[in-house]
Amino acid sequence: MKLFRFLSVSALLCLCVNGAFASASSPLEFLKTHCISCHGPDKQKGDRRFDDLSGTTDSIDELERWQEILDMLNLEDM
C-alpha cells in the first residue's frame, strides 16, 4: 500500500510541477518566492514549515508534505 501511495504521489507531483510551479525555475524556488514568508523558520502558519523541504521524493513523509502543498494550491487556500 505504501508503494502505491508513493508512486501515486510521485506521479501527481510530476504532473503538477508543470502547472502550479510554471512561474518558478523549481518547486523549491516557488516555495521561497510564495510560501516561506508564512511557512518558514520565523513564522509557521497552520503549524506548517516548508523551508526545510529537500526537494527530493525519497521518503513518504516528504511526498506527503508536497502533496499537502499541492492540495492547498489546488483548493486555492494558499
PDB file of N, CA and C in Angstrom:
ATOM      1  N   MET A   1       0.822  -1.189   0.000  1.00  0.00           N
ATOM      2  CA  MET A   1       0.000   0.000   0.000  1.00  0.00           C
ATOM      3  C   MET A   1       0.869   1.258   0.000  1.00  0.00           C
ATOM      4  N   LYS A   2       1.979   1.230   0.778  1.00  0.00           N
ATOM      5  CA  LYS A   2       2.852   2.398   0.815  1.00  0.00           C
ATOM      6  C   LYS A   2       3.494   2.643  -0.540  1.00  0.00           C
ATOM      7  N   LEU A   3       3.852   1.570  -1.239  1.00  0.00           N
ATOM      8  CA  LEU A   3       4.455   1.723  -2.557  1.00  0.00           C
ATOM      9  C   LEU A   3       3.465   2.369  -3.521  1.00  0.00           C
ATOM     10  N   PHE A   4       2.214   1.938  -3.483  1.00  0.00           N
ATOM     11  CA  PHE A   4       1.192   2.526  -4.344  1.00  0.00           C
ATOM     12  C   PHE A   4       1.020   4.007  -4.044  1.00  0.00           C
ATOM     13  N   ARG A   5       0.986   4.335  -2.767  1.00  0.00           N
ATOM     14  CA  ARG A   5       0.829   5.739  -2.370  1.00  0.00           C
ATOM     15  C   ARG A   5       2.036   6.557  -2.825  1.00  0.00           C
ATOM     16  N   PHE A   6       3.220   6.007  -2.635  1.00  0.00           N
ATOM     17  CA  PHE A   6       4.451   6.660  -3.059  1.00  0.00           C
ATOM     18  C   PHE A   6       4.425   6.936  -4.560  1.00  0.00           C
ATOM     19  N   LEU A   7       4.066   5.930  -5.347  1.00  0.00           N
ATOM     20  CA  LEU A   7       4.031   6.091  -6.797  1.00  0.00           C
ATOM     21  C   LEU A   7       2.939   7.065  -7.231  1.00  0.00           C
ATOM     22  N   SER A   8       1.793   7.032  -6.571  1.00  0.00           N
ATOM     23  CA  SER A   8       0.699   7.940  -6.906  1.00  0.00           C
ATOM     24  C   SER A   8       1.073   9.385  -6.642  1.00  0.00           C
ATOM     25  N   VAL A   9       1.630   9.638  -5.474  1.00  0.00           N
ATOM     26  CA  VAL A   9       2.019  10.998  -5.124  1.00  0.00           C
ATOM     27  C   VAL A   9       3.166  11.464  -6.011  1.00  0.00           C
ATOM     28  N   SER A  10       4.100  10.586  -6.329  1.00  0.00           N
ATOM     29  CA  SER A  10       5.206  10.946  -7.226  1.00  0.00           C
ATOM     30  C   SER A  10       4.679  11.353  -8.598  1.00  0.00           C
ATOM     31  N   ALA A  11       3.762  10.576  -9.124  1.00  0.00           N
ATOM     32  CA  ALA A  11       3.189  10.889 -10.431  1.00  0.00           C
ATOM     33  C   ALA A  11       2.424  12.202 -10.393  1.00  0.00           C
ATOM     34  N   LEU A  12       1.659  12.417  -9.350  1.00  0.00           N
ATOM     35  CA  LEU A  12       0.903  13.658  -9.216  1.00  0.00           C
ATOM     36  C   LEU A  12       1.826  14.853  -9.098  1.00  0.00           C
ATOM     37  N   LEU A  13       2.870  14.711  -8.328  1.00  0.00           N
ATOM     38  CA  LEU A  13       3.835  15.796  -8.175  1.00  0.00           C
ATOM     39  C   LEU A  13       4.468  16.137  -9.520  1.00  0.00           C
ATOM     40  N   CYS A  14       4.842  15.131 -10.277  1.00  0.00           N
ATOM     41  CA  CYS A  14       5.445  15.376 -11.585  1.00  0.00           C
ATOM     42  C   CYS A  14       4.480  16.080 -12.525  1.00  0.00           C
ATOM     43  N   LEU A  15       3.228  15.693 -12.519  1.00  0.00           N
ATOM     44  CA  LEU A  15       2.230  16.323 -13.378  1.00  0.00           C
ATOM     45  C   LEU A  15       1.956  17.760 -12.966  1.00  0.00           C
ATOM     46  N   CYS A  16       1.903  18.010 -11.674  1.00  0.00           N
ATOM     47  CA  CYS A  16       1.561  19.339 -11.183  1.00  0.00           C
ATOM     48  C   CYS A  16       2.711  20.317 -11.267  1.00  0.00           C
ATOM     49  N   VAL A  17       3.909  19.836 -11.349  1.00  0.00           N
ATOM     50  CA  VAL A  17       5.065  20.737 -11.428  1.00  0.00           C
ATOM     51  C   VAL A  17       4.927  21.643 -12.642  1.00  0.00           C
ATOM     52  N   ASN A  18       4.448  21.115 -13.745  1.00  0.00           N
ATOM     53  CA  ASN A  18       4.302  21.923 -14.953  1.00  0.00           C
ATOM     54  C   ASN A  18       3.257  23.011 -14.801  1.00  0.00           C
ATOM     55  N   GLY A  19       2.219  22.792 -14.006  1.00  0.00           N
ATOM     56  CA  GLY A  19       1.175  23.791 -13.846  1.00  0.00           C
ATOM     57  C   GLY A  19       1.406  24.724 -12.678  1.00  0.00           C
ATOM     58  N   ALA A  20       1.426  24.179 -11.477  1.00  0.00           N
ATOM     59  CA  ALA A  20       1.495  25.001 -10.276  1.00  0.00           C
ATOM     60  C   ALA A  20       2.812  25.736 -10.143  1.00  0.00           C
ATOM     61  N   PHE A  21       3.887  25.157 -10.620  1.00  0.00           N
ATOM     62  CA  PHE A  21       5.200  25.752 -10.431  1.00  0.00           C
ATOM     63  C   PHE A  21       5.760  26.341 -11.728  1.00  0.00           C
ATOM     64  N   ALA A  22       4.910  26.588 -12.710  1.00  0.00           N
ATOM     65  CA  ALA A  22       5.391  27.050 -14.010  1.00  0.00           C
ATOM     66  C   ALA A  22       6.117  28.387 -13.929  1.00  0.00           C
ATOM     67  N   SER A  23       5.753  29.238 -12.989  1.00  0.00           N
ATOM     68  CA  SER A  23       6.370  30.558 -12.895  1.00  0.00           C
ATOM     69  C   SER A  23       7.732  30.526 -12.220  1.00  0.00           C
ATOM     70  N   ALA A  24       8.114  29.420 -11.661  1.00  0.00           N
ATOM     71  CA  ALA A  24       9.396  29.309 -10.959  1.00  0.00           C
ATOM     72  C   ALA A  24      10.286  28.305 -11.674  1.00  0.00           C
ATOM     73  N   SER A  25      11.581  28.419 -11.424  1.00  0.00           N
ATOM     74  CA  SER A  25      12.518  27.505 -12.067  1.00  0.00           C
ATOM     75  C   SER A  25      12.510  26.126 -11.411  1.00  0.00           C
ATOM     76  N   SER A  26      12.016  26.035 -10.182  1.00  0.00           N
ATOM     77  CA  SER A  26      11.922  24.747  -9.489  1.00  0.00           C
ATOM     78  C   SER A  26      10.865  24.854  -8.400  1.00  0.00           C
ATOM     79  N   PRO A  27      10.370  23.708  -7.919  1.00  0.00           N
ATOM     80  CA  PRO A  27       9.403  23.751  -6.814  1.00  0.00           C
ATOM     81  C   PRO A  27       9.960  24.453  -5.577  1.00  0.00           C
ATOM     82  N   LEU A  28      11.246  24.271  -5.290  1.00  0.00           N
ATOM     83  CA  LEU A  28      11.830  24.935  -4.126  1.00  0.00           C
ATOM     84  C   LEU A  28      11.885  26.443  -4.325  1.00  0.00           C
ATOM     85  N   GLU A  29      12.137  26.883  -5.548  1.00  0.00           N
ATOM     86  CA  GLU A  29      12.139  28.319  -5.853  1.00  0.00           C
ATOM     87  C   GLU A  29      10.732  28.891  -5.675  1.00  0.00           C
ATOM     88  N   PHE A  30       9.735  28.134  -6.088  1.00  0.00           N
ATOM     89  CA  PHE A  30       8.350  28.551  -5.896  1.00  0.00           C
ATOM     90  C   PHE A  30       8.050  28.742  -4.411  1.00  0.00           C
ATOM     91  N   LEU A  31       8.484  27.782  -3.584  1.00  0.00           N
ATOM     92  CA  LEU A  31       8.263  27.892  -2.139  1.00  0.00           C
ATOM     93  C   LEU A  31       8.955  29.125  -1.569  1.00  0.00           C
ATOM     94  N   LYS A  32      10.192  29.366  -1.990  1.00  0.00           N
ATOM     95  CA  LYS A  32      10.925  30.534  -1.496  1.00  0.00           C
ATOM     96  C   LYS A  32      10.205  31.828  -1.855  1.00  0.00           C
ATOM     97  N   THR A  33       9.667  31.877  -3.058  1.00  0.00           N
ATOM     98  CA  THR A  33       9.010  33.087  -3.533  1.00  0.00           C
ATOM     99  C   THR A  33       7.638  33.304  -2.904  1.00  0.00           C
ATOM    100  N   HIS A  34       6.868  32.234  -2.748  1.00  0.00           N
ATOM    101  CA  HIS A  34       5.460  32.393  -2.384  1.00  0.00           C
ATOM    102  C   HIS A  34       5.061  31.872  -1.003  1.00  0.00           C
ATOM    103  N   CYS A  35       5.873  31.030  -0.385  1.00  0.00           N
ATOM    104  CA  CYS A  35       5.395  30.322   0.804  1.00  0.00           C
ATOM    105  C   CYS A  35       6.223  30.528   2.071  1.00  0.00           C
ATOM    106  N   ILE A  36       7.522  30.701   1.925  1.00  0.00           N
ATOM    107  CA  ILE A  36       8.414  30.689   3.085  1.00  0.00           C
ATOM    108  C   ILE A  36       8.130  31.833   4.054  1.00  0.00           C
ATOM    109  N   SER A  37       7.642  32.966   3.570  1.00  0.00           N
ATOM    110  CA  SER A  37       7.376  34.077   4.483  1.00  0.00           C
ATOM    111  C   SER A  37       6.315  33.710   5.523  1.00  0.00           C
ATOM    112  N   CYS A  38       5.411  32.820   5.192  1.00  0.00           N
ATOM    113  CA  CYS A  38       4.376  32.380   6.147  1.00  0.00           C
ATOM    114  C   CYS A  38       4.627  30.978   6.695  1.00  0.00           C
ATOM    115  N   HIS A  39       5.502  30.218   6.054  1.00  0.00           N
ATOM    116  CA  HIS A  39       5.766  28.832   6.460  1.00  0.00           C
ATOM    117  C   HIS A  39       7.263  28.579   6.529  1.00  0.00           C
ATOM    118  N   GLY A  40       7.974  29.459   7.213  1.00  0.00           N
ATOM    119  CA  GLY A  40       9.430  29.359   7.299  1.00  0.00           C
ATOM    120  C   GLY A  40       9.915  29.277   8.730  1.00  0.00           C
ATOM    121  N   PRO A  41      11.185  29.604   8.956  1.00  0.00           N
ATOM    122  CA  PRO A  41      11.771  29.452  10.286  1.00  0.00           C
ATOM    123  C   PRO A  41      11.213  30.434  11.315  1.00  0.00           C
ATOM    124  N   ASP A  42      10.792  31.607  10.868  1.00  0.00           N
ATOM    125  CA  ASP A  42      10.318  32.624  11.805  1.00  0.00           C
ATOM    126  C   ASP A  42       8.819  32.554  12.076  1.00  0.00           C
ATOM    127  N   LYS A  43       8.069  32.045  11.132  1.00  0.00           N
ATOM    128  CA  LYS A  43       6.604  32.021  11.228  1.00  0.00           C
ATOM    129  C   LYS A  43       6.108  30.723  10.601  1.00  0.00           C
ATOM    130  N   GLN A  44       5.201  30.033  11.281  1.00  0.00           N
ATOM    131  CA  GLN A  44       4.647  28.793  10.740  1.00  0.00           C
ATOM    132  C   GLN A  44       3.124  28.837  10.820  1.00  0.00           C
ATOM    133  N   LYS A  45       2.478  29.406   9.828  1.00  0.00           N
ATOM    134  CA  LYS A  45       1.022  29.414   9.800  1.00  0.00           C
ATOM    135  C   LYS A  45       0.517  27.975   9.691  1.00  0.00           C
ATOM    136  N   GLY A  46      -0.487  27.667  10.466  1.00  0.00           N
ATOM    137  CA  GLY A  46      -1.048  26.320  10.437  1.00  0.00           C
ATOM    138  C   GLY A  46      -0.069  25.252  10.892  1.00  0.00           C
ATOM    139  N   ASP A  47       0.938  25.659  11.645  1.00  0.00           N
ATOM    140  CA  ASP A  47       1.974  24.728  12.114  1.00  0.00           C
ATOM    141  C   ASP A  47       2.655  24.002  10.960  1.00  0.00           C
ATOM    142  N   ARG A  48       2.801  24.681   9.824  1.00  0.00           N
ATOM    143  CA  ARG A  48       3.458  24.092   8.659  1.00  0.00           C
ATOM    144  C   ARG A  48       4.728  24.881   8.361  1.00  0.00           C
ATOM    145  N   ARG A  49       5.806  24.151   8.155  1.00  0.00           N
ATOM    146  CA  ARG A  49       7.095  24.765   7.833  1.00  0.00           C
ATOM    147  C   ARG A  49       7.642  24.092   6.579  1.00  0.00           C
ATOM    148  N   PHE A  50       7.915  24.895   5.540  1.00  0.00           N
ATOM    149  CA  PHE A  50       8.342  24.350   4.252  1.00  0.00           C
ATOM    150  C   PHE A  50       9.779  24.664   3.901  1.00  0.00           C
ATOM    151  N   ASP A  51      10.449  25.487   4.672  1.00  0.00           N
ATOM    152  CA  ASP A  51      11.830  25.850   4.325  1.00  0.00           C
ATOM    153  C   ASP A  51      12.802  24.691   4.500  1.00  0.00           C
ATOM    154  N   ASP A  52      12.386  23.655   5.202  1.00  0.00           N
ATOM    155  CA  ASP A  52      13.267  22.518   5.428  1.00  0.00           C
ATOM    156  C   ASP A  52      13.010  21.357   4.455  1.00  0.00           C
ATOM    157  N   LEU A  53      12.182  21.559   3.449  1.00  0.00           N
ATOM    158  CA  LEU A  53      11.972  20.525   2.432  1.00  0.00           C
ATOM    159  C   LEU A  53      13.223  20.400   1.571  1.00  0.00           C
ATOM    160  N   SER A  54      13.580  19.194   1.248  1.00  0.00           N
ATOM    161  CA  SER A  54      14.806  18.962   0.484  1.00  0.00           C
ATOM    162  C   SER A  54      14.585  19.034  -1.022  1.00  0.00           C
ATOM    163  N   GLY A  55      13.359  18.879  -1.469  1.00  0.00           N
ATOM    164  CA  GLY A  55      13.103  18.862  -2.899  1.00  0.00           C
ATOM    165  C   GLY A  55      13.226  17.491  -3.519  1.00  0.00           C
ATOM    166  N   THR A  56      13.535  16.493  -2.705  1.00  0.00           N
ATOM    167  CA  THR A  56      13.627  15.129  -3.209  1.00  0.00           C
ATOM    168  C   THR A  56      12.331  14.389  -2.885  1.00  0.00           C
ATOM    169  N   THR A  57      12.167  13.265  -3.524  1.00  0.00           N
ATOM    170  CA  THR A  57      10.995  12.434  -3.262  1.00  0.00           C
ATOM    171  C   THR A  57      11.454  11.074  -2.757  1.00  0.00           C
ATOM    172  N   ASP A  58      12.409  11.106  -1.845  1.00  0.00           N
ATOM    173  CA  ASP A  58      12.988   9.861  -1.338  1.00  0.00           C
ATOM    174  C   ASP A  58      12.188   9.214  -0.223  1.00  0.00           C
ATOM    175  N   SER A  59      11.296   9.961   0.406  1.00  0.00           N
ATOM    176  CA  SER A  59      10.565   9.390   1.527  1.00  0.00           C
ATOM    177  C   SER A  59       9.078   9.697   1.406  1.00  0.00           C
ATOM    178  N   ILE A  60       8.288   8.860   2.013  1.00  0.00           N
ATOM    179  CA  ILE A  60       6.843   9.062   2.034  1.00  0.00           C
ATOM    180  C   ILE A  60       6.495  10.364   2.756  1.00  0.00           C
ATOM    181  N   ASP A  61       7.198  10.660   3.844  1.00  0.00           N
ATOM    182  CA  ASP A  61       6.920  11.891   4.595  1.00  0.00           C
ATOM    183  C   ASP A  61       7.114  13.125   3.724  1.00  0.00           C
ATOM    184  N   GLU A  62       8.191  13.143   2.956  1.00  0.00           N
ATOM    185  CA  GLU A  62       8.465  14.277   2.074  1.00  0.00           C
ATOM    186  C   GLU A  62       7.394  14.382   0.994  1.00  0.00           C
ATOM    187  N   LEU A  63       7.018  13.254   0.419  1.00  0.00           N
ATOM    188  CA  LEU A  63       5.962  13.250  -0.602  1.00  0.00           C
ATOM    189  C   LEU A  63       4.630  13.724  -0.042  1.00  0.00           C
ATOM    190  N   GLU A  64       4.325  13.327   1.169  1.00  0.00           N
ATOM    191  CA  GLU A  64       3.061  13.754   1.783  1.00  0.00           C
ATOM    192  C   GLU A  64       3.048  15.256   2.026  1.00  0.00           C
ATOM    193  N   ARG A  65       4.182  15.813   2.383  1.00  0.00           N
ATOM    194  CA  ARG A  65       4.253  17.272   2.580  1.00  0.00           C
ATOM    195  C   ARG A  65       4.058  17.992   1.253  1.00  0.00           C
ATOM    196  N   TRP A  66       4.685  17.477   0.181  1.00  0.00           N
ATOM    197  CA  TRP A  66       4.481  18.083  -1.137  1.00  0.00           C
ATOM    198  C   TRP A  66       3.028  17.929  -1.581  1.00  0.00           C
ATOM    199  N   GLN A  67       2.434  16.783  -1.295  1.00  0.00           N
ATOM    200  CA  GLN A  67       1.032  16.565  -1.648  1.00  0.00           C
ATOM    201  C   GLN A  67       0.138  17.567  -0.936  1.00  0.00           C
ATOM    202  N   GLU A  68       0.418  17.813   0.328  1.00  0.00           N
ATOM    203  CA  GLU A  68      -0.356  18.791   1.094  1.00  0.00           C
ATOM    204  C   GLU A  68      -0.246  20.182   0.467  1.00  0.00           C
ATOM    205  N   ILE A  69       0.951  20.550   0.040  1.00  0.00           N
ATOM    206  CA  ILE A  69       1.146  21.853  -0.612  1.00  0.00           C
ATOM    207  C   ILE A  69       0.326  21.927  -1.896  1.00  0.00           C
ATOM    208  N   LEU A  70       0.403  20.873  -2.713  1.00  0.00           N
ATOM    209  CA  LEU A  70      -0.368  20.857  -3.961  1.00  0.00           C
ATOM    210  C   LEU A  70      -1.865  20.896  -3.704  1.00  0.00           C
ATOM    211  N   ASP A  71      -2.323  20.192  -2.685  1.00  0.00           N
ATOM    212  CA  ASP A  71      -3.737  20.213  -2.341  1.00  0.00           C
ATOM    213  C   ASP A  71      -4.193  21.620  -1.973  1.00  0.00           C
ATOM    214  N   MET A  72      -3.408  22.308  -1.164  1.00  0.00           N
ATOM    215  CA  MET A  72      -3.760  23.672  -0.746  1.00  0.00           C
ATOM    216  C   MET A  72      -3.739  24.631  -1.932  1.00  0.00           C
ATOM    217  N   LEU A  73      -2.788  24.452  -2.850  1.00  0.00           N
ATOM    218  CA  LEU A  73      -2.757  25.290  -4.049  1.00  0.00           C
ATOM    219  C   LEU A  73      -3.973  25.026  -4.932  1.00  0.00           C
ATOM    220  N   ASN A  74      -4.303  23.755  -5.114  1.00  0.00           N
ATOM    221  CA  ASN A  74      -5.465  23.415  -5.947  1.00  0.00           C
ATOM    222  C   ASN A  74      -6.771  23.885  -5.341  1.00  0.00           C
ATOM    223  N   LEU A  75      -6.853  23.885  -4.027  1.00  0.00           N
ATOM    224  CA  LEU A  75      -8.056  24.376  -3.349  1.00  0.00           C
ATOM    225  C   LEU A  75      -8.072  25.899  -3.216  1.00  0.00           C
ATOM    226  N   GLU A  76      -6.983  26.519  -3.679  1.00  0.00           N
ATOM    227  CA  GLU A  76      -6.784  27.953  -3.580  1.00  0.00           C
ATOM    228  C   GLU A  76      -6.834  28.445  -2.142  1.00  0.00           C
ATOM    229  N   ASP A  77      -6.376  27.608  -1.213  1.00  0.00           N
ATOM    230  CA  ASP A  77      -6.256  28.005   0.183  1.00  0.00           C
ATOM    231  C   ASP A  77      -4.908  28.632   0.468  1.00  0.00           C
ATOM    232  N   MET A  78      -3.983  28.489  -0.435  1.00  0.00           N
ATOM    233  CA  MET A  78      -2.671  29.125  -0.315  1.00  0.00           C
ATOM    234  C   MET A  78      -2.408  29.908  -1.578  1.00  0.00           C
TER     235      MET A  78
END
